[in-house]
Structure formats: structure tokens, C-alpha cells
PDB file of all heavy atoms in Angstrom:
ATOM      1  N   ASN A   1      59.336 170.466 -59.536  1.00  0.00           N
ATOM      2  CA  ASN A   1      60.087 171.418 -60.299  1.00  0.00           C
ATOM      3  C   ASN A   1      59.593 172.929 -60.181  1.00  0.00           C
ATOM      4  O   ASN A   1      59.853 173.741 -61.051  1.00  0.00           O
ATOM      5  CB  ASN A   1      59.993 171.019 -61.796  1.00  0.00           C
ATOM      6  CG  ASN A   1      60.790 169.765 -62.043  1.00  0.00           C
ATOM      7  OD1 ASN A   1      61.880 169.437 -61.457  1.00  0.00           O
ATOM      8  ND2 ASN A   1      60.207 168.908 -62.896  1.00  0.00           N
ATOM      9  N   VAL A   2      58.681 173.128 -59.179  1.00  0.00           N
ATOM     10  CA  VAL A   2      58.309 174.528 -58.936  1.00  0.00           C
ATOM     11  C   VAL A   2      59.319 175.411 -58.286  1.00  0.00           C
ATOM     12  O   VAL A   2      59.796 175.180 -57.146  1.00  0.00           O
ATOM     13  CB  VAL A   2      56.926 174.595 -58.079  1.00  0.00           C
ATOM     14  CG1 VAL A   2      56.517 176.119 -57.761  1.00  0.00           C
ATOM     15  CG2 VAL A   2      55.812 173.855 -58.764  1.00  0.00           C
ATOM     16  N   ARG A   3      59.759 176.380 -59.102  1.00  0.00           N
ATOM     17  CA  ARG A   3      60.775 177.379 -58.542  1.00  0.00           C
ATOM     18  C   ARG A   3      60.037 178.722 -58.234  1.00  0.00           C
ATOM     19  O   ARG A   3      59.185 179.059 -59.084  1.00  0.00           O
ATOM     20  CB  ARG A   3      62.012 177.567 -59.521  1.00  0.00           C
ATOM     21  CG  ARG A   3      62.776 176.376 -59.586  1.00  0.00           C
ATOM     22  CD  ARG A   3      63.970 176.673 -60.619  1.00  0.00           C
ATOM     23  NE  ARG A   3      64.791 175.469 -60.781  1.00  0.00           N
ATOM     24  CZ  ARG A   3      65.913 175.135 -60.091  1.00  0.00           C
ATOM     25  NH1 ARG A   3      66.284 175.993 -58.981  1.00  0.00           N
ATOM     26  NH2 ARG A   3      66.577 174.140 -60.374  1.00  0.00           N
ATOM     27  N   LEU A   4      60.542 179.346 -57.302  1.00  0.00           N
ATOM     28  CA  LEU A   4      59.924 180.751 -56.978  1.00  0.00           C
ATOM     29  C   LEU A   4      60.662 181.696 -57.857  1.00  0.00           C
ATOM     30  O   LEU A   4      61.666 181.404 -58.643  1.00  0.00           O
ATOM     31  CB  LEU A   4      60.114 180.989 -55.466  1.00  0.00           C
ATOM     32  CG  LEU A   4      59.493 180.052 -54.539  1.00  0.00           C
ATOM     33  CD1 LEU A   4      59.685 180.450 -53.152  1.00  0.00           C
ATOM     34  CD2 LEU A   4      57.941 179.851 -54.890  1.00  0.00           C
ATOM     35  N   SER A   5      60.180 183.048 -57.763  1.00  0.00           N
ATOM     36  CA  SER A   5      60.845 184.023 -58.573  1.00  0.00           C
ATOM     37  C   SER A   5      62.297 184.235 -58.455  1.00  0.00           C
ATOM     38  O   SER A   5      63.034 184.703 -59.260  1.00  0.00           O
ATOM     39  CB  SER A   5      60.051 185.283 -58.446  1.00  0.00           C
ATOM     40  OG  SER A   5      58.849 185.188 -58.927  1.00  0.00           O
ATOM     41  N   ASP A   6      62.801 183.804 -57.241  1.00  0.00           N
ATOM     42  CA  ASP A   6      64.205 183.971 -56.863  1.00  0.00           C
ATOM     43  C   ASP A   6      64.976 182.841 -57.281  1.00  0.00           C
ATOM     44  O   ASP A   6      66.185 182.849 -57.057  1.00  0.00           O
ATOM     45  CB  ASP A   6      64.417 184.220 -55.323  1.00  0.00           C
ATOM     46  CG  ASP A   6      63.898 183.037 -54.488  1.00  0.00           C
ATOM     47  OD1 ASP A   6      63.557 182.028 -55.072  1.00  0.00           O
ATOM     48  OD2 ASP A   6      64.031 183.252 -53.267  1.00  0.00           O
ATOM     49  N   GLY A   7      64.422 181.846 -58.042  1.00  0.00           N
ATOM     50  CA  GLY A   7      65.096 180.682 -58.414  1.00  0.00           C
ATOM     51  C   GLY A   7      65.125 179.518 -57.534  1.00  0.00           C
ATOM     52  O   GLY A   7      65.557 178.349 -57.962  1.00  0.00           O
ATOM     53  N   SER A   8      64.701 179.797 -56.345  1.00  0.00           N
ATOM     54  CA  SER A   8      64.786 178.567 -55.329  1.00  0.00           C
ATOM     55  C   SER A   8      63.504 177.668 -55.549  1.00  0.00           C
ATOM     56  O   SER A   8      62.403 178.074 -56.101  1.00  0.00           O
ATOM     57  CB  SER A   8      64.809 179.081 -53.912  1.00  0.00           C
ATOM     58  OG  SER A   8      63.593 179.829 -53.534  1.00  0.00           O
ATOM     59  N   PHE A   9      63.736 176.329 -55.131  1.00  0.00           N
ATOM     60  CA  PHE A   9      62.650 175.459 -55.210  1.00  0.00           C
ATOM     61  C   PHE A   9      61.630 175.797 -54.062  1.00  0.00           C
ATOM     62  O   PHE A   9      62.034 176.087 -52.956  1.00  0.00           O
ATOM     63  CB  PHE A   9      63.110 173.962 -54.932  1.00  0.00           C
ATOM     64  CG  PHE A   9      63.737 173.367 -56.160  1.00  0.00           C
ATOM     65  CD1 PHE A   9      65.137 173.188 -56.198  1.00  0.00           C
ATOM     66  CD2 PHE A   9      62.956 173.140 -57.383  1.00  0.00           C
ATOM     67  CE1 PHE A   9      65.642 172.618 -57.315  1.00  0.00           C
ATOM     68  CE2 PHE A   9      63.586 172.502 -58.525  1.00  0.00           C
ATOM     69  CZ  PHE A   9      65.014 172.304 -58.501  1.00  0.00           C
ATOM     70  N   LEU A  10      60.339 175.752 -54.358  1.00  0.00           N
ATOM     71  CA  LEU A  10      59.368 176.088 -53.331  1.00  0.00           C
ATOM     72  C   LEU A  10      59.410 175.180 -52.173  1.00  0.00           C
ATOM     73  O   LEU A  10      59.302 175.572 -51.003  1.00  0.00           O
ATOM     74  CB  LEU A  10      57.901 176.015 -53.964  1.00  0.00           C
ATOM     75  CG  LEU A  10      56.752 176.368 -53.049  1.00  0.00           C
ATOM     76  CD1 LEU A  10      55.674 176.782 -53.977  1.00  0.00           C
ATOM     77  CD2 LEU A  10      56.296 175.344 -52.125  1.00  0.00           C
ATOM     78  N   VAL A  11      59.803 173.870 -52.368  1.00  0.00           N
ATOM     79  CA  VAL A  11      59.793 172.883 -51.253  1.00  0.00           C
ATOM     80  C   VAL A  11      61.150 172.942 -50.489  1.00  0.00           C
ATOM     81  O   VAL A  11      61.215 172.366 -49.434  1.00  0.00           O
ATOM     82  CB  VAL A  11      59.668 171.494 -51.763  1.00  0.00           C
ATOM     83  CG1 VAL A  11      58.294 171.339 -52.425  1.00  0.00           C
ATOM     84  CG2 VAL A  11      60.767 171.058 -52.738  1.00  0.00           C
ATOM     85  N   ALA A  12      62.144 173.678 -50.959  1.00  0.00           N
ATOM     86  CA  ALA A  12      63.438 173.732 -50.218  1.00  0.00           C
ATOM     87  C   ALA A  12      63.390 174.086 -48.866  1.00  0.00           C
ATOM     88  O   ALA A  12      62.880 175.183 -48.582  1.00  0.00           O
ATOM     89  CB  ALA A  12      64.424 174.545 -51.070  1.00  0.00           C
ATOM     90  N   GLY A  13      63.849 173.312 -47.902  1.00  0.00           N
ATOM     91  CA  GLY A  13      63.755 173.624 -46.523  1.00  0.00           C
ATOM     92  C   GLY A  13      62.472 173.482 -45.868  1.00  0.00           C
ATOM     93  O   GLY A  13      62.334 173.877 -44.637  1.00  0.00           O
ATOM     94  N   ARG A  14      61.433 172.997 -46.594  1.00  0.00           N
ATOM     95  CA  ARG A  14      60.171 173.028 -45.967  1.00  0.00           C
ATOM     96  C   ARG A  14      59.733 171.548 -45.663  1.00  0.00           C
ATOM     97  O   ARG A  14      60.089 170.619 -46.310  1.00  0.00           O
ATOM     98  CB  ARG A  14      59.032 173.553 -47.031  1.00  0.00           C
ATOM     99  CG  ARG A  14      59.361 174.937 -47.325  1.00  0.00           C
ATOM    100  CD  ARG A  14      58.281 175.630 -48.106  1.00  0.00           C
ATOM    101  NE  ARG A  14      58.663 177.043 -48.468  1.00  0.00           N
ATOM    102  CZ  ARG A  14      58.478 178.031 -47.692  1.00  0.00           C
ATOM    103  NH1 ARG A  14      58.165 177.843 -46.439  1.00  0.00           N
ATOM    104  NH2 ARG A  14      58.949 179.300 -48.010  1.00  0.00           N
ATOM    105  N   HIS A  15      59.021 171.367 -44.572  1.00  0.00           N
ATOM    106  CA  HIS A  15      58.511 170.052 -44.078  1.00  0.00           C
ATOM    107  C   HIS A  15      57.267 169.772 -44.950  1.00  0.00           C
ATOM    108  O   HIS A  15      56.439 170.486 -45.160  1.00  0.00           O
ATOM    109  CB  HIS A  15      58.106 170.141 -42.576  1.00  0.00           C
ATOM    110  CG  HIS A  15      59.235 170.503 -41.696  1.00  0.00           C
ATOM    111  ND1 HIS A  15      60.005 169.553 -41.088  1.00  0.00           N
ATOM    112  CD2 HIS A  15      59.840 171.697 -41.379  1.00  0.00           C
ATOM    113  CE1 HIS A  15      61.072 170.069 -40.381  1.00  0.00           C
ATOM    114  NE2 HIS A  15      60.923 171.420 -40.532  1.00  0.00           N
ATOM    115  N   LEU A  16      57.309 168.472 -45.428  1.00  0.00           N
ATOM    116  CA  LEU A  16      56.116 167.982 -46.226  1.00  0.00           C
ATOM    117  C   LEU A  16      55.948 166.435 -46.001  1.00  0.00           C
ATOM    118  O   LEU A  16      56.787 165.778 -45.572  1.00  0.00           O
ATOM    119  CB  LEU A  16      56.219 168.504 -47.647  1.00  0.00           C
ATOM    120  CG  LEU A  16      57.424 168.071 -48.426  1.00  0.00           C
ATOM    121  CD1 LEU A  16      57.571 166.642 -48.834  1.00  0.00           C
ATOM    122  CD2 LEU A  16      57.552 168.901 -49.706  1.00  0.00           C
ATOM    123  N   ALA A  17      54.773 166.167 -46.588  1.00  0.00           N
ATOM    124  CA  ALA A  17      54.479 164.656 -46.630  1.00  0.00           C
ATOM    125  C   ALA A  17      54.157 164.519 -48.213  1.00  0.00           C
ATOM    126  O   ALA A  17      53.679 165.162 -48.821  1.00  0.00           O
ATOM    127  CB  ALA A  17      53.271 164.240 -45.726  1.00  0.00           C
ATOM    128  N   ALA A  18      54.315 163.152 -48.549  1.00  0.00           N
ATOM    129  CA  ALA A  18      54.041 162.656 -49.933  1.00  0.00           C
ATOM    130  C   ALA A  18      54.037 161.175 -49.962  1.00  0.00           C
ATOM    131  O   ALA A  18      54.594 160.533 -49.012  1.00  0.00           O
ATOM    132  CB  ALA A  18      55.002 163.222 -50.955  1.00  0.00           C
ATOM    133  N   PHE A  19      53.533 160.558 -50.980  1.00  0.00           N
ATOM    134  CA  PHE A  19      53.473 159.105 -51.164  1.00  0.00           C
ATOM    135  C   PHE A  19      54.880 158.621 -50.912  1.00  0.00           C
ATOM    136  O   PHE A  19      55.818 159.143 -51.690  1.00  0.00           O
ATOM    137  CB  PHE A  19      52.954 158.785 -52.511  1.00  0.00           C
ATOM    138  CG  PHE A  19      52.410 157.292 -52.499  1.00  0.00           C
ATOM    139  CD1 PHE A  19      51.263 156.922 -51.905  1.00  0.00           C
ATOM    140  CD2 PHE A  19      53.090 156.432 -53.389  1.00  0.00           C
ATOM    141  CE1 PHE A  19      50.774 155.639 -52.030  1.00  0.00           C
ATOM    142  CE2 PHE A  19      52.612 155.112 -53.520  1.00  0.00           C
ATOM    143  CZ  PHE A  19      51.506 154.730 -52.808  1.00  0.00           C
ATOM    144  N   THR A  20      55.181 157.774 -50.070  1.00  0.00           N
ATOM    145  CA  THR A  20      56.506 157.326 -49.682  1.00  0.00           C
ATOM    146  C   THR A  20      57.021 156.355 -50.702  1.00  0.00           C
ATOM    147  O   THR A  20      56.262 155.604 -51.386  1.00  0.00           O
ATOM    148  CB  THR A  20      56.562 156.749 -48.338  1.00  0.00           C
ATOM    149  OG1 THR A  20      55.900 155.507 -48.294  1.00  0.00           O
ATOM    150  CG2 THR A  20      55.952 157.760 -47.284  1.00  0.00           C
ATOM    151  N   ASP A  21      58.381 156.188 -50.633  1.00  0.00           N
ATOM    152  CA  ASP A  21      59.005 155.212 -51.452  1.00  0.00           C
ATOM    153  C   ASP A  21      58.590 153.749 -51.116  1.00  0.00           C
ATOM    154  O   ASP A  21      58.312 152.926 -51.957  1.00  0.00           O
ATOM    155  CB  ASP A  21      60.506 155.319 -51.239  1.00  0.00           C
ATOM    156  CG  ASP A  21      61.176 156.592 -51.949  1.00  0.00           C
ATOM    157  OD1 ASP A  21      60.333 157.423 -52.445  1.00  0.00           O
ATOM    158  OD2 ASP A  21      62.343 156.876 -51.812  1.00  0.00           O
ATOM    159  N   ASP A  22      58.379 153.598 -49.800  1.00  0.00           N
ATOM    160  CA  ASP A  22      57.857 152.345 -49.267  1.00  0.00           C
ATOM    161  C   ASP A  22      56.557 151.949 -49.696  1.00  0.00           C
ATOM    162  O   ASP A  22      56.207 150.751 -50.167  1.00  0.00           O
ATOM    163  CB  ASP A  22      57.936 152.282 -47.681  1.00  0.00           C
ATOM    164  CG  ASP A  22      59.369 152.039 -47.182  1.00  0.00           C
ATOM    165  OD1 ASP A  22      60.298 151.547 -47.946  1.00  0.00           O
ATOM    166  OD2 ASP A  22      59.615 152.195 -46.054  1.00  0.00           O
ATOM    167  N   GLU A  23      55.664 153.017 -49.813  1.00  0.00           N
ATOM    168  CA  GLU A  23      54.206 152.758 -50.321  1.00  0.00           C
ATOM    169  C   GLU A  23      54.294 152.372 -51.842  1.00  0.00           C
ATOM    170  O   GLU A  23      53.564 151.663 -52.286  1.00  0.00           O
ATOM    171  CB  GLU A  23      53.437 154.042 -50.012  1.00  0.00           C
ATOM    172  CG  GLU A  23      53.033 154.126 -48.558  1.00  0.00           C
ATOM    173  CD  GLU A  23      52.332 155.344 -48.111  1.00  0.00           C
ATOM    174  OE1 GLU A  23      52.739 156.447 -48.642  1.00  0.00           O
ATOM    175  OE2 GLU A  23      51.449 155.348 -47.393  1.00  0.00           O
ATOM    176  N   GLU A  24      55.272 153.158 -52.507  1.00  0.00           N
ATOM    177  CA  GLU A  24      55.365 152.830 -53.979  1.00  0.00           C
ATOM    178  C   GLU A  24      55.808 151.429 -54.222  1.00  0.00           C
ATOM    179  O   GLU A  24      55.356 150.754 -55.102  1.00  0.00           O
ATOM    180  CB  GLU A  24      56.298 153.819 -54.632  1.00  0.00           C
ATOM    181  CG  GLU A  24      56.174 154.106 -56.129  1.00  0.00           C
ATOM    182  CD  GLU A  24      54.915 154.733 -56.374  1.00  0.00           C
ATOM    183  OE1 GLU A  24      54.772 156.058 -56.344  1.00  0.00           O
ATOM    184  OE2 GLU A  24      53.964 154.050 -56.837  1.00  0.00           O
ATOM    185  N   ARG A  25      56.759 150.860 -53.357  1.00  0.00           N
ATOM    186  CA  ARG A  25      57.128 149.577 -53.439  1.00  0.00           C
ATOM    187  C   ARG A  25      56.110 148.580 -53.026  1.00  0.00           C
ATOM    188  O   ARG A  25      56.003 147.533 -53.679  1.00  0.00           O
ATOM    189  CB  ARG A  25      58.416 149.303 -52.581  1.00  0.00           C
ATOM    190  CG  ARG A  25      59.732 150.156 -53.014  1.00  0.00           C
ATOM    191  CD  ARG A  25      60.829 149.808 -52.158  1.00  0.00           C
ATOM    192  NE  ARG A  25      62.021 150.638 -52.437  1.00  0.00           N
ATOM    193  CZ  ARG A  25      62.406 151.673 -51.750  1.00  0.00           C
ATOM    194  NH1 ARG A  25      61.671 152.064 -50.639  1.00  0.00           N
ATOM    195  NH2 ARG A  25      63.359 152.482 -52.262  1.00  0.00           N
ATOM    196  N   ALA A  26      55.210 149.001 -52.048  1.00  0.00           N
ATOM    197  CA  ALA A  26      54.146 148.097 -51.696  1.00  0.00           C
ATOM    198  C   ALA A  26      53.174 147.839 -52.754  1.00  0.00           C
ATOM    199  O   ALA A  26      52.519 146.817 -52.773  1.00  0.00           O
ATOM    200  CB  ALA A  26      53.533 148.710 -50.389  1.00  0.00           C
ATOM    201  N   VAL A  27      52.967 148.949 -53.603  1.00  0.00           N
ATOM    202  CA  VAL A  27      52.010 148.664 -54.708  1.00  0.00           C
ATOM    203  C   VAL A  27      52.760 148.196 -55.886  1.00  0.00           C
ATOM    204  O   VAL A  27      52.122 148.102 -57.024  1.00  0.00           O
ATOM    205  CB  VAL A  27      51.220 149.958 -54.991  1.00  0.00           C
ATOM    206  CG1 VAL A  27      50.379 150.327 -53.814  1.00  0.00           C
ATOM    207  CG2 VAL A  27      52.179 151.154 -55.421  1.00  0.00           C
ATOM    208  N   LYS A  28      54.050 147.880 -55.817  1.00  0.00           N
ATOM    209  CA  LYS A  28      54.802 147.281 -56.875  1.00  0.00           C
ATOM    210  C   LYS A  28      54.861 148.175 -58.190  1.00  0.00           C
ATOM    211  O   LYS A  28      54.815 147.659 -59.221  1.00  0.00           O
ATOM    212  CB  LYS A  28      54.235 145.899 -57.263  1.00  0.00           C
ATOM    213  CG  LYS A  28      54.303 145.008 -56.136  1.00  0.00           C
ATOM    214  CD  LYS A  28      53.827 143.514 -56.534  1.00  0.00           C
ATOM    215  CE  LYS A  28      53.712 142.564 -55.267  1.00  0.00           C
ATOM    216  NZ  LYS A  28      54.921 142.656 -54.407  1.00  0.00           N
ATOM    217  N   LEU A  29      55.064 149.476 -57.896  1.00  0.00           N
ATOM    218  CA  LEU A  29      55.102 150.356 -59.054  1.00  0.00           C
ATOM    219  C   LEU A  29      56.454 151.114 -59.017  1.00  0.00           C
ATOM    220  O   LEU A  29      56.659 152.051 -59.782  1.00  0.00           O
ATOM    221  CB  LEU A  29      53.967 151.391 -59.008  1.00  0.00           C
ATOM    222  CG  LEU A  29      52.590 150.688 -59.436  1.00  0.00           C
ATOM    223  CD1 LEU A  29      51.476 151.690 -59.292  1.00  0.00           C
ATOM    224  CD2 LEU A  29      52.532 150.171 -60.829  1.00  0.00           C
ATOM    225  N   GLU A  30      57.333 150.736 -58.172  1.00  0.00           N
ATOM    226  CA  GLU A  30      58.594 151.564 -58.018  1.00  0.00           C
ATOM    227  C   GLU A  30      59.380 151.594 -59.358  1.00  0.00           C
ATOM    228  O   GLU A  30      60.178 152.481 -59.537  1.00  0.00           O
ATOM    229  CB  GLU A  30      59.482 150.949 -56.834  1.00  0.00           C
ATOM    230  CG  GLU A  30      60.126 149.617 -57.012  1.00  0.00           C
ATOM    231  CD  GLU A  30      59.219 148.378 -56.703  1.00  0.00           C
ATOM    232  OE1 GLU A  30      58.024 148.552 -56.781  1.00  0.00           O
ATOM    233  OE2 GLU A  30      59.899 147.373 -56.452  1.00  0.00           O
ATOM    234  N   HIS A  31      59.225 150.511 -60.157  1.00  0.00           N
ATOM    235  CA  HIS A  31      59.924 150.480 -61.392  1.00  0.00           C
ATOM    236  C   HIS A  31      59.142 150.898 -62.639  1.00  0.00           C
ATOM    237  O   HIS A  31      59.493 150.888 -63.794  1.00  0.00           O
ATOM    238  CB  HIS A  31      60.453 149.067 -61.745  1.00  0.00           C
ATOM    239  CG  HIS A  31      61.400 148.550 -60.699  1.00  0.00           C
ATOM    240  ND1 HIS A  31      62.568 149.240 -60.330  1.00  0.00           N
ATOM    241  CD2 HIS A  31      61.353 147.533 -59.864  1.00  0.00           C
ATOM    242  CE1 HIS A  31      63.195 148.576 -59.464  1.00  0.00           C
ATOM    243  NE2 HIS A  31      62.497 147.461 -59.044  1.00  0.00           N
TER     244      HIS A  31
END
């Protein structure tokens, strides 16, 4: 939810990595 002063999301259009949905399922915490 980080928005810059121009109202855009900081992450918009940017390449990133984060804990994946598959990893969340693997630890059985997706729900």
C-alpha cells in the first residue's frame, strides 16, 4: 500500500521478489 507523492504505487512497473504463493501453500498458511 505504499504510494508515492504522485499517487502511484511504489511497486508499479517494478521488478521484485517476495514470498511466493506456492511457498505459502507449501507451509499450509494460504488460508
